[in-house]
């Protein structure tokens, strides 16, 4: 049993992915509350926008560990989501602060359904990634 940089990167990815799962669950719950009129759009955007950059930076950080550790398959399965995050943040609405969600158009039916679908897809990706990282960690700890 050998502890190498690959195992370390999988351990960090597991912990970070647990946080990303919580972010995705919060995203889905927040848009469900918005859809059912439990919260107003301004409060919703004030609670969601501060979480955008930490989510993206957390995702990129453990993928940099995969890059430095030579875990190419793990990096390749995350590249489409990283590219989507970069594209999404680059094409965000013009606002005064960081974030993706604008209170003036978050209640549009097409934006609401798109954001809800995005939350569910991210949750599925992060859950599948979590189990893959668990497998990768165990495999890299067992192999020499």
N, C-alpha and C. Protein backbone atom coordinates (compact mmCIF):
# COMPACT_ATOMS: atom_id res chain seq x y z
N UNK A 1 0.85 -1.17 0.00
CA UNK A 1 0.00 0.00 0.00
C UNK A 1 0.90 1.23 0.00
N UNK A 2 0.73 2.06 -1.03
CA UNK A 2 1.60 3.23 -1.17
C UNK A 2 0.77 4.50 -1.23
N UNK A 3 1.20 5.48 -0.46
CA UNK A 3 0.54 6.78 -0.49
C UNK A 3 1.34 7.68 -1.43
N UNK A 4 0.75 7.99 -2.57
CA UNK A 4 1.43 8.82 -3.56
C UNK A 4 0.62 10.08 -3.84
N UNK A 5 1.12 10.89 -4.76
CA UNK A 5 0.43 12.15 -5.06
C UNK A 5 -0.93 11.90 -5.70
N UNK A 6 -1.06 10.81 -6.45
CA UNK A 6 -2.36 10.47 -7.03
C UNK A 6 -3.40 10.19 -5.97
N UNK A 7 -3.01 9.46 -4.94
CA UNK A 7 -3.93 9.18 -3.83
C UNK A 7 -4.29 10.46 -3.10
N UNK A 8 -3.30 11.33 -2.90
CA UNK A 8 -3.56 12.62 -2.25
C UNK A 8 -4.54 13.45 -3.07
N UNK A 9 -4.36 13.46 -4.39
CA UNK A 9 -5.26 14.26 -5.23
C UNK A 9 -6.67 13.70 -5.20
N UNK A 10 -6.82 12.38 -5.14
CA UNK A 10 -8.16 11.79 -5.04
C UNK A 10 -8.80 12.09 -3.69
N UNK A 11 -8.02 12.11 -2.62
CA UNK A 11 -8.56 12.43 -1.30
C UNK A 11 -9.05 13.88 -1.27
N UNK A 12 -8.24 14.79 -1.82
CA UNK A 12 -8.65 16.19 -1.89
C UNK A 12 -9.88 16.33 -2.78
N UNK A 13 -9.92 15.59 -3.89
CA UNK A 13 -11.07 15.65 -4.79
C UNK A 13 -12.33 15.13 -4.11
N UNK A 14 -12.20 14.09 -3.29
CA UNK A 14 -13.38 13.58 -2.56
C UNK A 14 -13.94 14.62 -1.62
N UNK A 15 -13.05 15.27 -0.87
CA UNK A 15 -13.51 16.28 0.08
C UNK A 15 -14.12 17.48 -0.66
N UNK A 16 -13.44 17.93 -1.71
CA UNK A 16 -13.95 19.07 -2.48
C UNK A 16 -15.25 18.72 -3.18
N UNK A 17 -15.35 17.49 -3.67
CA UNK A 17 -16.56 17.08 -4.37
C UNK A 17 -17.75 17.00 -3.41
N UNK A 18 -17.49 16.67 -2.15
CA UNK A 18 -18.58 16.69 -1.16
C UNK A 18 -19.11 18.11 -1.01
N UNK A 19 -18.22 19.10 -0.97
CA UNK A 19 -18.67 20.49 -0.92
C UNK A 19 -19.43 20.87 -2.19
N UNK A 20 -18.96 20.41 -3.34
CA UNK A 20 -19.64 20.72 -4.59
C UNK A 20 -21.03 20.09 -4.64
N UNK A 21 -21.17 18.92 -4.06
CA UNK A 21 -22.49 18.28 -3.98
C UNK A 21 -23.43 19.14 -3.14
N UNK A 22 -22.93 19.65 -2.02
CA UNK A 22 -23.77 20.53 -1.19
C UNK A 22 -24.12 21.82 -1.93
N UNK A 23 -23.17 22.37 -2.70
CA UNK A 23 -23.47 23.56 -3.50
C UNK A 23 -24.57 23.26 -4.52
N UNK A 24 -24.49 22.10 -5.17
CA UNK A 24 -25.49 21.75 -6.18
C UNK A 24 -26.86 21.51 -5.54
N UNK A 25 -26.88 20.89 -4.37
CA UNK A 25 -28.15 20.69 -3.67
C UNK A 25 -28.75 22.03 -3.27
N UNK A 26 -27.91 22.94 -2.77
CA UNK A 26 -28.38 24.27 -2.41
C UNK A 26 -28.93 25.00 -3.64
N UNK A 27 -28.26 24.83 -4.78
CA UNK A 27 -28.69 25.43 -6.05
C UNK A 27 -30.09 24.94 -6.42
N UNK A 28 -30.29 23.63 -6.36
CA UNK A 28 -31.58 23.04 -6.73
C UNK A 28 -32.67 23.50 -5.76
N UNK A 29 -32.38 23.48 -4.48
CA UNK A 29 -33.37 23.90 -3.49
C UNK A 29 -33.70 25.37 -3.65
N UNK A 30 -32.69 26.19 -3.92
CA UNK A 30 -32.91 27.63 -4.07
C UNK A 30 -33.81 27.92 -5.26
N UNK A 31 -33.60 27.26 -6.37
CA UNK A 31 -34.45 27.51 -7.53
C UNK A 31 -35.84 26.91 -7.37
N UNK A 32 -35.95 25.84 -6.58
CA UNK A 32 -37.27 25.32 -6.28
C UNK A 32 -38.04 26.30 -5.40
N UNK A 33 -37.36 26.92 -4.43
CA UNK A 33 -38.00 27.94 -3.60
C UNK A 33 -38.42 29.14 -4.44
N UNK A 34 -37.60 29.49 -5.38
CA UNK A 34 -37.93 30.62 -6.25
C UNK A 34 -39.12 30.28 -7.14
N UNK A 35 -39.17 29.05 -7.61
CA UNK A 35 -40.27 28.63 -8.48
C UNK A 35 -41.60 28.60 -7.73
N UNK A 36 -41.56 28.25 -6.46
CA UNK A 36 -42.79 28.17 -5.69
C UNK A 36 -43.07 29.43 -4.88
N UNK A 37 -42.35 30.50 -5.16
CA UNK A 37 -42.55 31.82 -4.55
C UNK A 37 -42.34 31.85 -3.04
N UNK A 38 -41.41 31.05 -2.54
CA UNK A 38 -41.05 31.14 -1.12
C UNK A 38 -40.04 32.26 -0.88
N UNK A 39 -39.26 32.60 -1.89
CA UNK A 39 -38.26 33.67 -1.77
C UNK A 39 -38.43 34.62 -2.93
N UNK A 40 -38.01 35.86 -2.71
CA UNK A 40 -38.06 36.81 -3.81
C UNK A 40 -36.74 36.75 -4.59
N UNK A 41 -36.75 37.21 -5.83
CA UNK A 41 -35.56 37.09 -6.69
C UNK A 41 -34.33 37.81 -6.17
N UNK A 42 -34.49 38.92 -5.49
CA UNK A 42 -33.33 39.66 -5.01
C UNK A 42 -32.62 38.89 -3.89
N UNK A 43 -33.38 38.35 -2.95
CA UNK A 43 -32.78 37.54 -1.89
C UNK A 43 -32.14 36.28 -2.45
N UNK A 44 -32.79 35.71 -3.45
CA UNK A 44 -32.25 34.50 -4.07
C UNK A 44 -30.92 34.77 -4.74
N UNK A 45 -30.83 35.84 -5.48
CA UNK A 45 -29.57 36.17 -6.16
C UNK A 45 -28.49 36.54 -5.15
N UNK A 46 -28.89 37.20 -4.06
CA UNK A 46 -27.91 37.55 -3.02
C UNK A 46 -27.37 36.32 -2.30
N UNK A 47 -28.13 35.24 -2.28
CA UNK A 47 -27.65 34.02 -1.64
C UNK A 47 -26.91 33.10 -2.62
N UNK A 48 -27.23 33.17 -3.92
CA UNK A 48 -26.59 32.29 -4.90
C UNK A 48 -25.31 32.87 -5.50
N UNK A 49 -25.27 34.15 -5.75
CA UNK A 49 -24.12 34.75 -6.43
C UNK A 49 -22.80 34.61 -5.67
N UNK A 50 -22.79 34.72 -4.33
CA UNK A 50 -21.49 34.54 -3.65
C UNK A 50 -20.94 33.12 -3.72
N UNK A 51 -21.75 32.15 -4.11
CA UNK A 51 -21.29 30.76 -4.18
C UNK A 51 -20.76 30.36 -5.54
N UNK A 52 -20.91 31.21 -6.54
CA UNK A 52 -20.51 30.84 -7.90
C UNK A 52 -19.00 30.70 -8.01
N UNK A 53 -18.27 31.73 -7.65
CA UNK A 53 -16.81 31.68 -7.78
C UNK A 53 -16.17 30.63 -6.88
N UNK A 54 -16.60 30.45 -5.61
CA UNK A 54 -16.01 29.36 -4.83
C UNK A 54 -16.25 27.98 -5.45
N UNK A 55 -17.43 27.78 -6.03
CA UNK A 55 -17.69 26.49 -6.69
C UNK A 55 -16.74 26.28 -7.86
N UNK A 56 -16.59 27.28 -8.70
CA UNK A 56 -15.73 27.16 -9.87
C UNK A 56 -14.26 26.99 -9.47
N UNK A 57 -13.80 27.76 -8.50
CA UNK A 57 -12.41 27.67 -8.08
C UNK A 57 -12.11 26.34 -7.38
N UNK A 58 -13.05 25.84 -6.62
CA UNK A 58 -12.88 24.54 -5.97
C UNK A 58 -12.78 23.43 -7.02
N UNK A 59 -13.61 23.51 -8.02
CA UNK A 59 -13.59 22.50 -9.08
C UNK A 59 -12.29 22.55 -9.87
N UNK A 60 -11.83 23.75 -10.17
CA UNK A 60 -10.59 23.89 -10.93
C UNK A 60 -9.38 23.49 -10.08
N UNK A 61 -9.42 23.76 -8.78
CA UNK A 61 -8.27 23.48 -7.93
C UNK A 61 -7.94 21.98 -7.85
N UNK A 62 -8.93 21.14 -7.64
CA UNK A 62 -8.57 19.72 -7.55
C UNK A 62 -8.31 19.12 -8.93
N UNK A 63 -8.79 19.77 -9.98
CA UNK A 63 -8.40 19.31 -11.30
C UNK A 63 -6.97 19.69 -11.63
N UNK A 64 -6.48 20.77 -11.05
CA UNK A 64 -5.05 21.07 -11.18
C UNK A 64 -4.21 20.01 -10.48
N UNK A 65 -4.70 19.50 -9.36
CA UNK A 65 -4.00 18.40 -8.70
C UNK A 65 -3.98 17.16 -9.59
N UNK A 66 -5.09 16.89 -10.27
CA UNK A 66 -5.11 15.78 -11.21
C UNK A 66 -4.10 15.99 -12.34
N UNK A 67 -3.99 17.23 -12.79
CA UNK A 67 -3.03 17.55 -13.85
C UNK A 67 -1.60 17.31 -13.38
N UNK A 68 -1.27 17.81 -12.19
CA UNK A 68 0.08 17.64 -11.67
C UNK A 68 0.37 16.20 -11.27
N UNK A 69 -0.66 15.46 -10.88
CA UNK A 69 -0.48 14.07 -10.48
C UNK A 69 -0.51 13.09 -11.63
N UNK A 70 -0.80 13.56 -12.83
CA UNK A 70 -0.84 12.68 -13.99
C UNK A 70 -2.08 11.81 -14.06
N UNK A 71 -3.14 12.21 -13.42
CA UNK A 71 -4.41 11.48 -13.47
C UNK A 71 -5.20 12.00 -14.67
N UNK A 72 -4.84 11.53 -15.84
CA UNK A 72 -5.35 12.10 -17.09
C UNK A 72 -6.81 11.80 -17.31
N UNK A 73 -7.25 10.58 -16.99
CA UNK A 73 -8.66 10.25 -17.21
C UNK A 73 -9.57 11.08 -16.32
N UNK A 74 -9.17 11.25 -15.07
CA UNK A 74 -9.96 12.07 -14.14
C UNK A 74 -10.02 13.52 -14.62
N UNK A 75 -8.92 14.00 -15.13
CA UNK A 75 -8.90 15.36 -15.67
C UNK A 75 -9.78 15.47 -16.91
N UNK A 76 -9.71 14.48 -17.77
CA UNK A 76 -10.49 14.53 -19.03
C UNK A 76 -11.99 14.46 -18.79
N UNK A 77 -12.42 13.72 -17.76
CA UNK A 77 -13.87 13.67 -17.52
C UNK A 77 -14.38 14.96 -16.90
N UNK A 78 -13.47 15.77 -16.35
CA UNK A 78 -13.87 17.05 -15.76
C UNK A 78 -13.72 18.23 -16.72
N UNK A 79 -12.99 18.06 -17.79
CA UNK A 79 -12.76 19.17 -18.72
C UNK A 79 -14.04 19.75 -19.34
N UNK A 80 -15.03 18.94 -19.72
CA UNK A 80 -16.25 19.55 -20.26
C UNK A 80 -16.96 20.46 -19.26
N UNK A 81 -17.02 20.06 -17.99
CA UNK A 81 -17.67 20.90 -16.99
C UNK A 81 -16.85 22.16 -16.70
N UNK A 82 -15.53 22.04 -16.72
CA UNK A 82 -14.69 23.23 -16.54
C UNK A 82 -14.90 24.19 -17.70
N UNK A 83 -14.94 23.66 -18.92
CA UNK A 83 -15.18 24.51 -20.09
C UNK A 83 -16.55 25.17 -20.00
N UNK A 84 -17.56 24.44 -19.54
CA UNK A 84 -18.89 25.02 -19.37
C UNK A 84 -18.87 26.12 -18.32
N UNK A 85 -18.17 25.90 -17.22
CA UNK A 85 -18.08 26.93 -16.18
C UNK A 85 -17.42 28.20 -16.72
N UNK A 86 -16.36 28.03 -17.47
CA UNK A 86 -15.68 29.20 -18.04
C UNK A 86 -16.59 29.91 -19.02
N UNK A 87 -17.26 29.16 -19.88
CA UNK A 87 -18.17 29.76 -20.86
C UNK A 87 -19.33 30.48 -20.16
N UNK A 88 -19.87 29.83 -19.14
CA UNK A 88 -21.02 30.40 -18.43
C UNK A 88 -20.63 31.69 -17.72
N UNK A 89 -19.45 31.71 -17.11
CA UNK A 89 -19.04 32.92 -16.40
C UNK A 89 -18.64 34.03 -17.37
N UNK A 90 -18.10 33.64 -18.50
CA UNK A 90 -17.70 34.62 -19.51
C UNK A 90 -18.92 35.29 -20.15
N UNK A 91 -20.01 34.56 -20.27
CA UNK A 91 -21.23 35.07 -20.90
C UNK A 91 -22.31 35.44 -19.88
N UNK A 92 -21.90 35.80 -18.69
CA UNK A 92 -22.86 36.16 -17.65
C UNK A 92 -23.46 37.53 -17.93
N UNK A 93 -24.61 37.84 -17.33
CA UNK A 93 -25.19 39.17 -17.52
C UNK A 93 -24.33 40.24 -16.86
N UNK A 94 -24.43 41.44 -17.38
CA UNK A 94 -23.65 42.56 -16.84
C UNK A 94 -24.24 42.95 -15.49
N UNK A 95 -23.40 42.83 -14.44
CA UNK A 95 -23.83 43.15 -13.08
C UNK A 95 -22.70 43.91 -12.39
N UNK A 96 -23.01 44.44 -11.24
CA UNK A 96 -22.00 45.21 -10.51
C UNK A 96 -21.04 44.30 -9.74
N UNK A 97 -21.45 43.11 -9.38
CA UNK A 97 -20.61 42.21 -8.60
C UNK A 97 -20.42 40.88 -9.30
N UNK A 98 -19.63 40.00 -8.69
CA UNK A 98 -19.45 38.68 -9.29
C UNK A 98 -20.70 37.82 -9.11
N UNK A 99 -20.89 36.90 -9.99
CA UNK A 99 -22.04 36.00 -9.92
C UNK A 99 -22.65 35.81 -11.29
N UNK A 100 -23.64 34.96 -11.34
CA UNK A 100 -24.29 34.62 -12.61
C UNK A 100 -25.74 35.04 -12.68
N UNK A 101 -26.35 35.29 -11.55
CA UNK A 101 -27.79 35.43 -11.52
C UNK A 101 -28.19 36.89 -11.33
N UNK A 102 -29.01 37.36 -12.25
CA UNK A 102 -29.50 38.73 -12.23
C UNK A 102 -30.95 38.72 -11.75
N UNK A 103 -31.28 39.50 -10.72
CA UNK A 103 -32.65 39.45 -10.18
C UNK A 103 -33.71 39.92 -11.16
N UNK A 104 -33.33 40.69 -12.17
CA UNK A 104 -34.34 41.20 -13.10
C UNK A 104 -34.84 40.14 -14.07
N UNK A 105 -34.03 39.15 -14.38
CA UNK A 105 -34.50 38.15 -15.36
C UNK A 105 -34.43 36.72 -14.84
N UNK A 106 -34.22 36.54 -13.55
CA UNK A 106 -34.14 35.18 -13.02
C UNK A 106 -35.51 34.49 -12.97
N UNK A 107 -36.58 35.29 -12.95
CA UNK A 107 -37.92 34.72 -12.86
C UNK A 107 -38.53 34.38 -14.21
N UNK A 108 -37.83 34.65 -15.31
CA UNK A 108 -38.34 34.24 -16.61
C UNK A 108 -38.47 32.72 -16.62
N UNK A 109 -39.50 32.22 -17.24
CA UNK A 109 -39.77 30.78 -17.22
C UNK A 109 -38.64 29.99 -17.86
N UNK A 110 -38.09 30.49 -18.97
CA UNK A 110 -37.02 29.75 -19.62
C UNK A 110 -35.74 29.79 -18.80
N UNK A 111 -35.41 30.92 -18.17
CA UNK A 111 -34.23 31.00 -17.31
C UNK A 111 -34.39 30.14 -16.07
N UNK A 112 -35.56 30.14 -15.50
CA UNK A 112 -35.81 29.35 -14.30
C UNK A 112 -35.68 27.85 -14.58
N UNK A 113 -36.26 27.40 -15.67
CA UNK A 113 -36.16 25.97 -15.99
C UNK A 113 -34.74 25.60 -16.40
N UNK A 114 -34.04 26.49 -17.10
CA UNK A 114 -32.66 26.22 -17.49
C UNK A 114 -31.75 26.14 -16.27
N UNK A 115 -31.92 27.05 -15.32
CA UNK A 115 -31.11 27.02 -14.11
C UNK A 115 -31.41 25.82 -13.24
N UNK A 116 -32.67 25.43 -13.20
CA UNK A 116 -33.05 24.24 -12.43
C UNK A 116 -32.45 22.98 -13.06
N UNK A 117 -32.52 22.89 -14.37
CA UNK A 117 -31.94 21.74 -15.08
C UNK A 117 -30.42 21.71 -14.91
N UNK A 118 -29.80 22.89 -14.94
CA UNK A 118 -28.35 22.97 -14.73
C UNK A 118 -27.98 22.47 -13.34
N UNK A 119 -28.77 22.81 -12.34
CA UNK A 119 -28.51 22.34 -10.99
C UNK A 119 -28.61 20.83 -10.86
N UNK A 120 -29.64 20.25 -11.48
CA UNK A 120 -29.79 18.79 -11.42
C UNK A 120 -28.68 18.08 -12.16
N UNK A 121 -28.27 18.61 -13.30
CA UNK A 121 -27.19 17.98 -14.07
C UNK A 121 -25.88 18.06 -13.30
N UNK A 122 -25.60 19.22 -12.69
CA UNK A 122 -24.38 19.34 -11.89
C UNK A 122 -24.41 18.39 -10.71
N UNK A 123 -25.56 18.25 -10.08
CA UNK A 123 -25.68 17.33 -8.96
C UNK A 123 -25.38 15.90 -9.41
N UNK A 124 -25.90 15.50 -10.55
CA UNK A 124 -25.65 14.15 -11.06
C UNK A 124 -24.16 13.97 -11.39
N UNK A 125 -23.56 14.96 -12.02
CA UNK A 125 -22.14 14.86 -12.37
C UNK A 125 -21.28 14.79 -11.12
N UNK A 126 -21.58 15.62 -10.14
CA UNK A 126 -20.78 15.60 -8.92
C UNK A 126 -20.96 14.30 -8.13
N UNK A 127 -22.17 13.74 -8.13
CA UNK A 127 -22.39 12.46 -7.45
C UNK A 127 -21.64 11.32 -8.13
N UNK A 128 -21.72 11.27 -9.45
CA UNK A 128 -20.99 10.22 -10.17
C UNK A 128 -19.49 10.40 -10.00
N UNK A 129 -19.04 11.65 -10.01
CA UNK A 129 -17.62 11.93 -9.81
C UNK A 129 -17.17 11.50 -8.42
N UNK A 130 -18.02 11.72 -7.44
CA UNK A 130 -17.67 11.34 -6.07
C UNK A 130 -17.36 9.85 -5.99
N UNK A 131 -18.20 9.02 -6.58
CA UNK A 131 -17.96 7.58 -6.52
C UNK A 131 -16.75 7.17 -7.36
N UNK A 132 -16.52 7.87 -8.46
CA UNK A 132 -15.33 7.58 -9.25
C UNK A 132 -14.07 7.98 -8.48
N UNK A 133 -14.09 9.12 -7.79
CA UNK A 133 -12.94 9.53 -7.01
C UNK A 133 -12.69 8.57 -5.85
N UNK A 134 -13.75 8.06 -5.28
CA UNK A 134 -13.60 7.06 -4.22
C UNK A 134 -12.92 5.81 -4.77
N UNK A 135 -13.37 5.37 -5.94
CA UNK A 135 -12.73 4.22 -6.58
C UNK A 135 -11.27 4.53 -6.91
N UNK A 136 -11.01 5.72 -7.47
CA UNK A 136 -9.64 6.08 -7.82
C UNK A 136 -8.73 6.16 -6.63
N UNK A 137 -9.26 6.66 -5.51
CA UNK A 137 -8.46 6.74 -4.29
C UNK A 137 -8.10 5.33 -3.80
N UNK A 138 -9.08 4.47 -3.76
CA UNK A 138 -8.82 3.10 -3.28
C UNK A 138 -7.86 2.40 -4.24
N UNK A 139 -8.06 2.56 -5.53
CA UNK A 139 -7.18 1.91 -6.50
C UNK A 139 -5.75 2.42 -6.38
N UNK A 140 -5.58 3.73 -6.22
CA UNK A 140 -4.22 4.26 -6.14
C UNK A 140 -3.56 3.92 -4.80
N UNK A 141 -4.34 3.72 -3.75
CA UNK A 141 -3.75 3.30 -2.48
C UNK A 141 -3.35 1.83 -2.49
N UNK A 142 -4.11 1.01 -3.19
CA UNK A 142 -3.83 -0.43 -3.21
C UNK A 142 -2.69 -0.76 -4.17
N UNK A 143 -2.68 -0.09 -5.32
CA UNK A 143 -1.63 -0.40 -6.30
C UNK A 143 -0.31 0.22 -5.87
N UNK A 144 0.75 -0.39 -6.34
CA UNK A 144 2.08 0.11 -5.97
C UNK A 144 2.59 1.16 -6.86
